[in-house]
């Protein structure tokens, strides 16, 4: 069984997209989002991870964001690098917590649907830290404490 107690260690076992987002530029995001690994990664749950842990209401975490996608996210590179809000957000993260890497996994081990698996990870994060990841706007109604792996 996987519970909130195993959750903090799961991302370290996930695959990684090659490279890191280490500067605030469209090219830096495109190099990671546009990799061959990213092109082949479909129906995944993904985590944005900072290099250094970030203080949370309870404890610390390197997880900045938990998301899901059926297809590629290359199209978001420009938006993540250049929109005013994203520029401020990602600039603060990179300056204070170092480069960002992206870890991912197939969703089916953690839920019946992409949204269900994403919700499961968000719930485990919330159980551990008393809040959602710092750049997640998505909340969850999933309240399952454990899943069989």
Protein backbone atom coordinates (compact mmCIF):
# COMPACT_ATOMS: atom_id res chain seq x y z
CA UNK A 1 0.00 0.00 0.00
CA UNK A 2 1.11 3.52 -0.74
CA UNK A 3 0.07 6.21 1.74
CA UNK A 4 0.99 9.79 2.62
CA UNK A 5 4.04 8.38 4.42
CA UNK A 6 5.59 7.02 1.19
CA UNK A 7 4.54 10.03 -0.87
CA UNK A 8 7.59 12.24 -0.14
CA UNK A 9 9.89 9.53 -1.55
CA UNK A 10 7.89 8.66 -4.68
CA UNK A 11 9.08 11.53 -6.87
CA UNK A 12 12.70 10.49 -6.35
CA UNK A 13 11.85 7.19 -8.09
CA UNK A 14 10.06 8.76 -11.08
CA UNK A 15 11.56 9.30 -14.51
CA UNK A 16 12.95 12.76 -15.26
CA UNK A 17 12.78 14.91 -18.34
CA UNK A 18 16.34 15.66 -19.45
CA UNK A 19 17.75 19.02 -18.45
CA UNK A 20 16.66 21.61 -15.96
CA UNK A 21 15.00 24.99 -16.20
CA UNK A 22 17.83 27.11 -14.86
CA UNK A 23 17.01 30.51 -16.33
CA UNK A 24 13.89 32.42 -17.15
CA UNK A 25 13.78 32.13 -20.92
CA UNK A 26 11.56 30.51 -23.49
CA UNK A 27 14.57 28.46 -24.66
CA UNK A 28 15.24 27.08 -21.18
CA UNK A 29 11.63 25.86 -20.90
CA UNK A 30 11.61 24.59 -24.51
CA UNK A 31 14.78 22.56 -23.97
CA UNK A 32 13.07 20.56 -21.21
CA UNK A 33 9.49 20.54 -22.53
CA UNK A 34 10.61 19.80 -26.09
CA UNK A 35 12.85 16.82 -25.35
CA UNK A 36 12.26 13.46 -27.00
CA UNK A 37 11.41 12.02 -23.57
CA UNK A 38 8.72 14.68 -23.13
CA UNK A 39 7.35 13.95 -26.61
CA UNK A 40 6.88 10.28 -25.72
CA UNK A 41 5.51 10.84 -22.18
CA UNK A 42 1.74 10.65 -22.44
CA UNK A 43 -0.97 10.03 -19.84
CA UNK A 44 1.35 11.06 -17.03
CA UNK A 45 1.36 12.74 -13.67
CA UNK A 46 4.23 15.21 -13.45
CA UNK A 47 5.94 17.18 -10.71
CA UNK A 48 7.89 20.42 -10.97
CA UNK A 49 10.72 20.04 -8.45
CA UNK A 50 12.94 22.78 -7.06
CA UNK A 51 16.60 22.06 -6.36
CA UNK A 52 16.27 23.15 -2.73
CA UNK A 53 13.37 22.34 -0.38
CA UNK A 54 10.77 25.03 0.24
CA UNK A 55 9.28 25.60 3.73
CA UNK A 56 5.62 24.59 4.00
CA UNK A 57 3.05 24.92 6.80
CA UNK A 58 4.35 21.55 7.98
CA UNK A 59 7.86 20.55 6.95
CA UNK A 60 9.57 21.26 3.65
CA UNK A 61 9.17 19.97 0.09
CA UNK A 62 10.87 20.26 -3.29
CA UNK A 63 7.50 19.75 -5.04
CA UNK A 64 6.36 23.00 -6.63
CA UNK A 65 3.53 21.68 -8.75
CA UNK A 66 1.60 18.46 -9.35
CA UNK A 67 -0.12 18.15 -12.72
CA UNK A 68 -1.31 15.71 -15.33
CA UNK A 69 -1.34 15.62 -19.10
CA UNK A 70 -2.56 13.33 -21.84
CA UNK A 71 -0.15 14.83 -24.35
CA UNK A 72 2.86 17.12 -24.57
CA UNK A 73 3.22 20.42 -22.74
CA UNK A 74 5.73 22.05 -25.12
CA UNK A 75 3.08 24.60 -26.06
CA UNK A 76 3.28 26.05 -22.53
CA UNK A 77 6.99 26.99 -22.77
CA UNK A 78 6.41 30.54 -23.95
CA UNK A 79 3.61 31.19 -21.46
CA UNK A 80 5.66 29.86 -18.54
CA UNK A 81 8.64 32.00 -19.46
CA UNK A 82 7.03 35.26 -20.53
CA UNK A 83 3.61 35.96 -18.99
CA UNK A 84 3.96 38.55 -16.23
CA UNK A 85 2.63 36.34 -13.39
CA UNK A 86 4.61 33.28 -14.49
CA UNK A 87 7.74 35.38 -14.98
CA UNK A 88 7.52 36.65 -11.40
CA UNK A 89 6.72 33.22 -9.99
CA UNK A 90 9.39 31.22 -11.82
CA UNK A 91 11.99 33.99 -11.34
CA UNK A 92 11.49 33.85 -7.56
CA UNK A 93 11.67 30.07 -7.55
CA UNK A 94 14.88 29.88 -9.60
CA UNK A 95 16.57 32.69 -7.64
CA UNK A 96 15.62 31.33 -4.21
CA UNK A 97 15.42 27.56 -4.70
CA UNK A 98 17.54 26.80 -7.76
CA UNK A 99 16.82 25.18 -11.13
CA UNK A 100 13.58 23.29 -11.74
CA UNK A 101 13.41 19.71 -12.96
CA UNK A 102 10.38 17.70 -14.03
CA UNK A 103 9.68 14.20 -12.74
CA UNK A 104 6.86 12.08 -14.15
CA UNK A 105 5.14 8.71 -13.92
CA UNK A 106 2.35 6.75 -15.57
CA UNK A 107 -0.87 7.59 -13.76
CA UNK A 108 -2.38 4.07 -13.68
CA UNK A 109 -0.46 2.95 -10.61
CA UNK A 110 -2.11 5.72 -8.58
CA UNK A 111 -5.66 6.07 -9.89
CA UNK A 112 -8.25 4.96 -12.42
CA UNK A 113 -8.05 8.26 -14.34
CA UNK A 114 -5.53 11.04 -14.85
CA UNK A 115 -7.61 13.41 -12.73
CA UNK A 116 -8.04 10.78 -10.04
CA UNK A 117 -4.30 10.08 -9.85
CA UNK A 118 -3.47 13.79 -9.82
CA UNK A 119 -6.01 14.25 -7.03
CA UNK A 120 -4.45 11.40 -5.08
CA UNK A 121 -1.03 13.05 -5.17
CA UNK A 122 -2.51 16.42 -4.24
CA UNK A 123 -4.31 14.82 -1.27
CA UNK A 124 -1.15 13.10 -0.04
CA UNK A 125 0.75 16.39 -0.36
CA UNK A 126 -2.00 18.16 1.60
CA UNK A 127 -1.99 15.48 4.29
CA UNK A 128 1.76 15.92 4.77
CA UNK A 129 1.99 19.71 4.56
CA UNK A 130 -1.45 21.15 5.43
CA UNK A 131 -1.58 22.96 2.10
CA UNK A 132 -1.22 22.36 -1.64
CA UNK A 133 2.06 22.80 -3.58
CA UNK A 134 3.06 26.46 -3.92
CA UNK A 135 2.16 26.90 -7.61
CA UNK A 136 -0.86 24.59 -7.76
CA UNK A 137 -4.16 26.34 -8.24
CA UNK A 138 -5.92 22.99 -8.60
CA UNK A 139 -7.49 21.57 -5.47
CA UNK A 140 -8.84 18.03 -5.09
CA UNK A 141 -11.88 16.27 -3.75
CA UNK A 142 -10.00 12.96 -3.60
CA UNK A 143 -9.73 11.79 0.01
CA UNK A 144 -8.33 8.27 -0.43
CA UNK A 145 -5.64 7.63 2.16
CA UNK A 146 -3.96 4.64 0.47
CA UNK A 147 -3.70 2.91 -2.91
CA UNK A 148 -2.47 -0.55 -3.85
CA UNK A 149 0.56 -0.44 -6.06
